[in-house]
Amino acid sequence: MADVRVTYDRTVDAAYIYLTESQARVKSARMYPCDPVDVDGMINLDFDEQGRLIGIEVLAASSKLPEYLLQSTE
């Protein structure tokens, strides 16, 4: 299983889940916002130039992600 890197900013309660290798410098070419009503918050999906999912931004992360994950973030 591949390692997944997660960062969390407690000040704004936002987490980012990186789905790329840690040394890769992949830039987001397109962002797709999920419907905030359907997910009861805001989740944004980032895609690269080839249309591959490279990251997930989770706002109001403390209500969307398990506490153990937020405790183990960078």
PDB file of N, CA and C in Angstrom:
ATOM      1  N   MET A   1       0.844  -1.171   0.000  1.00  0.00           N
ATOM      2  CA  MET A   1       0.000   0.000   0.000  1.00  0.00           C
ATOM      3  C   MET A   1       0.895   1.242   0.000  1.00  0.00           C
ATOM      4  N   ALA A   2       0.516   2.204  -0.772  1.00  0.00           N
ATOM      5  CA  ALA A   2       1.289   3.451  -0.877  1.00  0.00           C
ATOM      6  C   ALA A   2       1.074   4.317   0.350  1.00  0.00           C
ATOM      7  N   ASP A   3       2.100   5.099   0.687  1.00  0.00           N
ATOM      8  CA  ASP A   3       1.971   6.057   1.780  1.00  0.00           C
ATOM      9  C   ASP A   3       1.139   7.239   1.309  1.00  0.00           C
ATOM     10  N   VAL A   4       0.302   7.714   2.184  1.00  0.00           N
ATOM     11  CA  VAL A   4      -0.499   8.896   1.909  1.00  0.00           C
ATOM     12  C   VAL A   4      -0.097   9.950   2.928  1.00  0.00           C
ATOM     13  N   ARG A   5       0.244  11.131   2.456  1.00  0.00           N
ATOM     14  CA  ARG A   5       0.670  12.214   3.334  1.00  0.00           C
ATOM     15  C   ARG A   5      -0.521  13.128   3.610  1.00  0.00           C
ATOM     16  N   VAL A   6      -0.698  13.494   4.870  1.00  0.00           N
ATOM     17  CA  VAL A   6      -1.804  14.368   5.254  1.00  0.00           C
ATOM     18  C   VAL A   6      -1.238  15.533   6.058  1.00  0.00           C
ATOM     19  N   THR A   7      -1.649  16.739   5.692  1.00  0.00           N
ATOM     20  CA  THR A   7      -1.303  17.914   6.483  1.00  0.00           C
ATOM     21  C   THR A   7      -2.596  18.482   7.060  1.00  0.00           C
ATOM     22  N   TYR A   8      -2.457  19.156   8.203  1.00  0.00           N
ATOM     23  CA  TYR A   8      -3.632  19.718   8.870  1.00  0.00           C
ATOM     24  C   TYR A   8      -3.267  21.054   9.493  1.00  0.00           C
ATOM     25  N   ASP A   9      -4.074  22.059   9.201  1.00  0.00           N
ATOM     26  CA  ASP A   9      -3.902  23.386   9.786  1.00  0.00           C
ATOM     27  C   ASP A   9      -5.046  23.604  10.767  1.00  0.00           C
ATOM     28  N   ARG A  10      -4.749  23.485  12.052  1.00  0.00           N
ATOM     29  CA  ARG A  10      -5.781  23.627  13.086  1.00  0.00           C
ATOM     30  C   ARG A  10      -6.385  25.029  13.121  1.00  0.00           C
ATOM     31  N   THR A  11      -5.608  26.018  12.750  1.00  0.00           N
ATOM     32  CA  THR A  11      -6.081  27.398  12.788  1.00  0.00           C
ATOM     33  C   THR A  11      -7.314  27.597  11.913  1.00  0.00           C
ATOM     34  N   VAL A  12      -7.299  26.985  10.738  1.00  0.00           N
ATOM     35  CA  VAL A  12      -8.432  27.126   9.813  1.00  0.00           C
ATOM     36  C   VAL A  12      -9.225  25.829   9.679  1.00  0.00           C
ATOM     37  N   ASP A  13      -8.823  24.792  10.432  1.00  0.00           N
ATOM     38  CA  ASP A  13      -9.499  23.489  10.424  1.00  0.00           C
ATOM     39  C   ASP A  13      -9.588  22.906   9.014  1.00  0.00           C
ATOM     40  N   ALA A  14      -8.444  22.908   8.335  1.00  0.00           N
ATOM     41  CA  ALA A  14      -8.384  22.395   6.961  1.00  0.00           C
ATOM     42  C   ALA A  14      -7.288  21.334   6.852  1.00  0.00           C
ATOM     43  N   ALA A  15      -7.600  20.258   6.175  1.00  0.00           N
ATOM     44  CA  ALA A  15      -6.633  19.177   5.949  1.00  0.00           C
ATOM     45  C   ALA A  15      -6.435  19.001   4.450  1.00  0.00           C
ATOM     46  N   TYR A  16      -5.249  18.515   4.097  1.00  0.00           N
ATOM     47  CA  TYR A  16      -4.976  18.196   2.695  1.00  0.00           C
ATOM     48  C   TYR A  16      -4.380  16.795   2.653  1.00  0.00           C
ATOM     49  N   ILE A  17      -4.977  15.955   1.815  1.00  0.00           N
ATOM     50  CA  ILE A  17      -4.522  14.575   1.649  1.00  0.00           C
ATOM     51  C   ILE A  17      -3.816  14.491   0.304  1.00  0.00           C
ATOM     52  N   TYR A  18      -2.506  14.250   0.358  1.00  0.00           N
ATOM     53  CA  TYR A  18      -1.686  14.155  -0.854  1.00  0.00           C
ATOM     54  C   TYR A  18      -1.713  12.721  -1.373  1.00  0.00           C
ATOM     55  N   LEU A  19      -2.025  12.561  -2.640  1.00  0.00           N
ATOM     56  CA  LEU A  19      -2.072  11.239  -3.262  1.00  0.00           C
ATOM     57  C   LEU A  19      -0.934  11.044  -4.254  1.00  0.00           C
ATOM     58  N   THR A  20       0.136  11.801  -4.088  1.00  0.00           N
ATOM     59  CA  THR A  20       1.312  11.704  -4.950  1.00  0.00           C
ATOM     60  C   THR A  20       2.508  11.347  -4.082  1.00  0.00           C
ATOM     61  N   GLU A  21       3.587  10.925  -4.722  1.00  0.00           N
ATOM     62  CA  GLU A  21       4.812  10.629  -3.986  1.00  0.00           C
ATOM     63  C   GLU A  21       5.301  11.906  -3.312  1.00  0.00           C
ATOM     64  N   SER A  22       5.863  11.768  -2.124  1.00  0.00           N
ATOM     65  CA  SER A  22       6.243  12.948  -1.347  1.00  0.00           C
ATOM     66  C   SER A  22       7.251  13.838  -2.056  1.00  0.00           C
ATOM     67  N   GLN A  23       8.138  13.275  -2.863  1.00  0.00           N
ATOM     68  CA  GLN A  23       9.137  14.093  -3.556  1.00  0.00           C
ATOM     69  C   GLN A  23       8.608  14.661  -4.878  1.00  0.00           C
ATOM     70  N   ALA A  24       7.475  14.197  -5.327  1.00  0.00           N
ATOM     71  CA  ALA A  24       6.908  14.683  -6.595  1.00  0.00           C
ATOM     72  C   ALA A  24       6.382  16.103  -6.422  1.00  0.00           C
ATOM     73  N   ARG A  25       6.642  16.930  -7.387  1.00  0.00           N
ATOM     74  CA  ARG A  25       6.157  18.317  -7.377  1.00  0.00           C
ATOM     75  C   ARG A  25       5.057  18.446  -8.439  1.00  0.00           C
ATOM     76  N   VAL A  26       3.944  17.816  -8.184  1.00  0.00           N
ATOM     77  CA  VAL A  26       2.835  17.826  -9.129  1.00  0.00           C
ATOM     78  C   VAL A  26       1.937  19.012  -8.813  1.00  0.00           C
ATOM     79  N   LYS A  27       1.592  19.766  -9.845  1.00  0.00           N
ATOM     80  CA  LYS A  27       0.721  20.930  -9.656  1.00  0.00           C
ATOM     81  C   LYS A  27      -0.707  20.576 -10.060  1.00  0.00           C
ATOM     82  N   SER A  28      -1.618  21.173  -9.347  1.00  0.00           N
ATOM     83  CA  SER A  28      -3.019  20.983  -9.662  1.00  0.00           C
ATOM     84  C   SER A  28      -3.373  21.760 -10.927  1.00  0.00           C
ATOM     85  N   ALA A  29      -3.985  21.076 -11.887  1.00  0.00           N
ATOM     86  CA  ALA A  29      -4.405  21.716 -13.117  1.00  0.00           C
ATOM     87  C   ALA A  29      -5.896  22.051 -13.075  1.00  0.00           C
ATOM     88  N   ARG A  30      -6.617  21.324 -12.224  1.00  0.00           N
ATOM     89  CA  ARG A  30      -8.063  21.539 -12.149  1.00  0.00           C
ATOM     90  C   ARG A  30      -8.557  21.141 -10.762  1.00  0.00           C
ATOM     91  N   MET A  31      -9.449  21.943 -10.223  1.00  0.00           N
ATOM     92  CA  MET A  31     -10.041  21.651  -8.930  1.00  0.00           C
ATOM     93  C   MET A  31     -11.539  21.443  -9.121  1.00  0.00           C
ATOM     94  N   TYR A  32     -12.048  20.377  -8.505  1.00  0.00           N
ATOM     95  CA  TYR A  32     -13.473  20.085  -8.578  1.00  0.00           C
ATOM     96  C   TYR A  32     -14.053  20.179  -7.165  1.00  0.00           C
ATOM     97  N   PRO A  33     -14.904  21.159  -6.894  1.00  0.00           N
ATOM     98  CA  PRO A  33     -15.523  21.254  -5.571  1.00  0.00           C
ATOM     99  C   PRO A  33     -16.709  20.298  -5.477  1.00  0.00           C
ATOM    100  N   CYS A  34     -16.733  19.504  -4.424  1.00  0.00           N
ATOM    101  CA  CYS A  34     -17.896  18.642  -4.182  1.00  0.00           C
ATOM    102  C   CYS A  34     -19.027  19.508  -3.650  1.00  0.00           C
ATOM    103  N   ASP A  35     -20.245  19.117  -3.921  1.00  0.00           N
ATOM    104  CA  ASP A  35     -21.409  19.875  -3.475  1.00  0.00           C
ATOM    105  C   ASP A  35     -21.426  19.930  -1.949  1.00  0.00           C
ATOM    106  N   PRO A  36     -21.290  21.122  -1.359  1.00  0.00           N
ATOM    107  CA  PRO A  36     -21.229  21.216   0.101  1.00  0.00           C
ATOM    108  C   PRO A  36     -22.495  20.728   0.796  1.00  0.00           C
ATOM    109  N   VAL A  37     -23.624  20.761   0.117  1.00  0.00           N
ATOM    110  CA  VAL A  37     -24.861  20.277   0.718  1.00  0.00           C
ATOM    111  C   VAL A  37     -24.818  18.760   0.832  1.00  0.00           C
ATOM    112  N   ASP A  38     -24.347  18.085  -0.216  1.00  0.00           N
ATOM    113  CA  ASP A  38     -24.285  16.620  -0.221  1.00  0.00           C
ATOM    114  C   ASP A  38     -23.302  16.058   0.795  1.00  0.00           C
ATOM    115  N   VAL A  39     -22.210  16.771   1.054  1.00  0.00           N
ATOM    116  CA  VAL A  39     -21.182  16.254   1.980  1.00  0.00           C
ATOM    117  C   VAL A  39     -21.176  17.000   3.312  1.00  0.00           C
ATOM    118  N   ASP A  40     -22.131  17.901   3.507  1.00  0.00           N
ATOM    119  CA  ASP A  40     -22.255  18.674   4.740  1.00  0.00           C
ATOM    120  C   ASP A  40     -20.951  19.388   5.080  1.00  0.00           C
ATOM    121  N   GLY A  41     -20.382  20.054   4.088  1.00  0.00           N
ATOM    122  CA  GLY A  41     -19.131  20.773   4.256  1.00  0.00           C
ATOM    123  C   GLY A  41     -18.523  21.049   2.891  1.00  0.00           C
ATOM    124  N   MET A  42     -17.235  21.296   2.869  1.00  0.00           N
ATOM    125  CA  MET A  42     -16.573  21.570   1.595  1.00  0.00           C
ATOM    126  C   MET A  42     -15.399  20.626   1.428  1.00  0.00           C
ATOM    127  N   ILE A  43     -15.408  19.904   0.337  1.00  0.00           N
ATOM    128  CA  ILE A  43     -14.319  19.011  -0.038  1.00  0.00           C
ATOM    129  C   ILE A  43     -13.973  19.308  -1.483  1.00  0.00           C
ATOM    130  N   ASN A  44     -12.694  19.579  -1.736  1.00  0.00           N
ATOM    131  CA  ASN A  44     -12.222  19.892  -3.086  1.00  0.00           C
ATOM    132  C   ASN A  44     -11.287  18.801  -3.576  1.00  0.00           C
ATOM    133  N   LEU A  45     -11.487  18.371  -4.802  1.00  0.00           N
ATOM    134  CA  LEU A  45     -10.629  17.363  -5.421  1.00  0.00           C
ATOM    135  C   LEU A  45      -9.697  18.053  -6.406  1.00  0.00           C
ATOM    136  N   ASP A  46      -8.398  17.781  -6.316  1.00  0.00           N
ATOM    137  CA  ASP A  46      -7.403  18.358  -7.225  1.00  0.00           C
ATOM    138  C   ASP A  46      -6.932  17.303  -8.218  1.00  0.00           C
ATOM    139  N   PHE A  47      -6.876  17.694  -9.487  1.00  0.00           N
ATOM    140  CA  PHE A  47      -6.456  16.801 -10.565  1.00  0.00           C
ATOM    141  C   PHE A  47      -5.254  17.388 -11.285  1.00  0.00           C
ATOM    142  N   ASP A  48      -4.378  16.514 -11.809  1.00  0.00           N
ATOM    143  CA  ASP A  48      -3.217  16.985 -12.567  1.00  0.00           C
ATOM    144  C   ASP A  48      -3.589  17.159 -14.037  1.00  0.00           C
ATOM    145  N   GLU A  49      -2.602  17.471 -14.855  1.00  0.00           N
ATOM    146  CA  GLU A  49      -2.813  17.696 -16.297  1.00  0.00           C
ATOM    147  C   GLU A  49      -3.399  16.479 -17.015  1.00  0.00           C
ATOM    148  N   GLN A  50      -3.097  15.276 -16.527  1.00  0.00           N
ATOM    149  CA  GLN A  50      -3.592  14.048 -17.154  1.00  0.00           C
ATOM    150  C   GLN A  50      -4.947  13.608 -16.600  1.00  0.00           C
ATOM    151  N   GLY A  51      -5.512  14.401 -15.700  1.00  0.00           N
ATOM    152  CA  GLY A  51      -6.819  14.079 -15.142  1.00  0.00           C
ATOM    153  C   GLY A  51      -6.764  13.107 -13.980  1.00  0.00           C
ATOM    154  N   ARG A  52      -5.561  12.885 -13.406  1.00  0.00           N
ATOM    155  CA  ARG A  52      -5.420  11.989 -12.257  1.00  0.00           C
ATOM    156  C   ARG A  52      -5.658  12.761 -10.964  1.00  0.00           C
ATOM    157  N   LEU A  53      -6.346  12.125 -10.037  1.00  0.00           N
ATOM    158  CA  LEU A  53      -6.594  12.725  -8.734  1.00  0.00           C
ATOM    159  C   LEU A  53      -5.277  12.778  -7.969  1.00  0.00           C
ATOM    160  N   ILE A  54      -4.866  13.987  -7.538  1.00  0.00           N
ATOM    161  CA  ILE A  54      -3.585  14.138  -6.856  1.00  0.00           C
ATOM    162  C   ILE A  54      -3.734  14.580  -5.402  1.00  0.00           C
ATOM    163  N   GLY A  55      -4.900  15.076  -5.034  1.00  0.00           N
ATOM    164  CA  GLY A  55      -5.074  15.516  -3.659  1.00  0.00           C
ATOM    165  C   GLY A  55      -6.510  15.853  -3.329  1.00  0.00           C
ATOM    166  N   ILE A  56      -6.771  15.856  -2.022  1.00  0.00           N
ATOM    167  CA  ILE A  56      -8.114  16.149  -1.524  1.00  0.00           C
ATOM    168  C   ILE A  56      -7.991  17.175  -0.400  1.00  0.00           C
ATOM    169  N   GLU A  57      -8.670  18.302  -0.556  1.00  0.00           N
ATOM    170  CA  GLU A  57      -8.706  19.321   0.485  1.00  0.00           C
ATOM    171  C   GLU A  57     -10.011  19.166   1.254  1.00  0.00           C
ATOM    172  N   VAL A  58      -9.911  19.120   2.579  1.00  0.00           N
ATOM    173  CA  VAL A  58     -11.093  18.945   3.419  1.00  0.00           C
ATOM    174  C   VAL A  58     -11.188  20.138   4.370  1.00  0.00           C
ATOM    175  N   LEU A  59     -12.219  20.951   4.186  1.00  0.00           N
ATOM    176  CA  LEU A  59     -12.482  22.066   5.083  1.00  0.00           C
ATOM    177  C   LEU A  59     -13.426  21.581   6.180  1.00  0.00           C
ATOM    178  N   ALA A  60     -13.354  22.186   7.341  1.00  0.00           N
ATOM    179  CA  ALA A  60     -14.067  21.678   8.526  1.00  0.00           C
ATOM    180  C   ALA A  60     -13.622  20.235   8.777  1.00  0.00           C
ATOM    181  N   ALA A  61     -12.319  20.033   8.671  1.00  0.00           N
ATOM    182  CA  ALA A  61     -11.733  18.691   8.724  1.00  0.00           C
ATOM    183  C   ALA A  61     -12.013  17.964  10.032  1.00  0.00           C
ATOM    184  N   SER A  62     -12.084  18.687  11.128  1.00  0.00           N
ATOM    185  CA  SER A  62     -12.308  18.016  12.416  1.00  0.00           C
ATOM    186  C   SER A  62     -13.670  17.333  12.490  1.00  0.00           C
ATOM    187  N   SER A  63     -14.597  17.747  11.662  1.00  0.00           N
ATOM    188  CA  SER A  63     -15.914  17.093  11.645  1.00  0.00           C
ATOM    189  C   SER A  63     -16.028  16.059  10.525  1.00  0.00           C
ATOM    190  N   LYS A  64     -15.017  15.976   9.662  1.00  0.00           N
ATOM    191  CA  LYS A  64     -15.082  15.062   8.511  1.00  0.00           C
ATOM    192  C   LYS A  64     -14.088  13.903   8.584  1.00  0.00           C
ATOM    193  N   LEU A  65     -12.975  14.108   9.287  1.00  0.00           N
ATOM    194  CA  LEU A  65     -11.923  13.095   9.331  1.00  0.00           C
ATOM    195  C   LEU A  65     -11.775  12.552  10.749  1.00  0.00           C
ATOM    196  N   PRO A  66     -11.345  11.296  10.870  1.00  0.00           N
ATOM    197  CA  PRO A  66     -11.170  10.730  12.207  1.00  0.00           C
ATOM    198  C   PRO A  66     -10.059  11.451  12.982  1.00  0.00           C
ATOM    199  N   GLU A  67     -10.245  11.580  14.274  1.00  0.00           N
ATOM    200  CA  GLU A  67      -9.291  12.288  15.133  1.00  0.00           C
ATOM    201  C   GLU A  67      -7.884  11.669  15.043  1.00  0.00           C
ATOM    202  N   TYR A  68      -7.798  10.324  14.991  1.00  0.00           N
ATOM    203  CA  TYR A  68      -6.481   9.681  14.922  1.00  0.00           C
ATOM    204  C   TYR A  68      -5.713  10.136  13.682  1.00  0.00           C
ATOM    205  N   LEU A  69      -6.417  10.376  12.586  1.00  0.00           N
ATOM    206  CA  LEU A  69      -5.747  10.834  11.369  1.00  0.00           C
ATOM    207  C   LEU A  69      -5.239  12.263  11.540  1.00  0.00           C
ATOM    208  N   LEU A  70      -6.050  13.120  12.104  1.00  0.00           N
ATOM    209  CA  LEU A  70      -5.641  14.512  12.323  1.00  0.00           C
ATOM    210  C   LEU A  70      -4.485  14.595  13.319  1.00  0.00           C
ATOM    211  N   GLN A  71      -4.444  13.710  14.303  1.00  0.00           N
ATOM    212  CA  GLN A  71      -3.359  13.698  15.283  1.00  0.00           C
ATOM    213  C   GLN A  71      -2.029  13.269  14.664  1.00  0.00           C
ATOM    214  N   SER A  72      -2.088  12.495  13.578  1.00  0.00           N
ATOM    215  CA  SER A  72      -0.861  11.965  12.968  1.00  0.00           C
ATOM    216  C   SER A  72      -0.396  12.780  11.769  1.00  0.00           C
ATOM    217  N   THR A  73      -0.970  13.955  11.560  1.00  0.00           N
ATOM    218  CA  THR A  73      -0.623  14.777  10.393  1.00  0.00           C
ATOM    219  C   THR A  73       0.665  15.539  10.609  1.00  0.00           C
ATOM    220  N   GLU A  74       1.168  16.064   9.491  1.00  0.00           N
ATOM    221  CA  GLU A  74       2.395  16.886   9.520  1.00  0.00           C
ATOM    222  C   GLU A  74       2.063  18.300   9.925  1.00  0.00           C
TER     223      GLU A  74
END
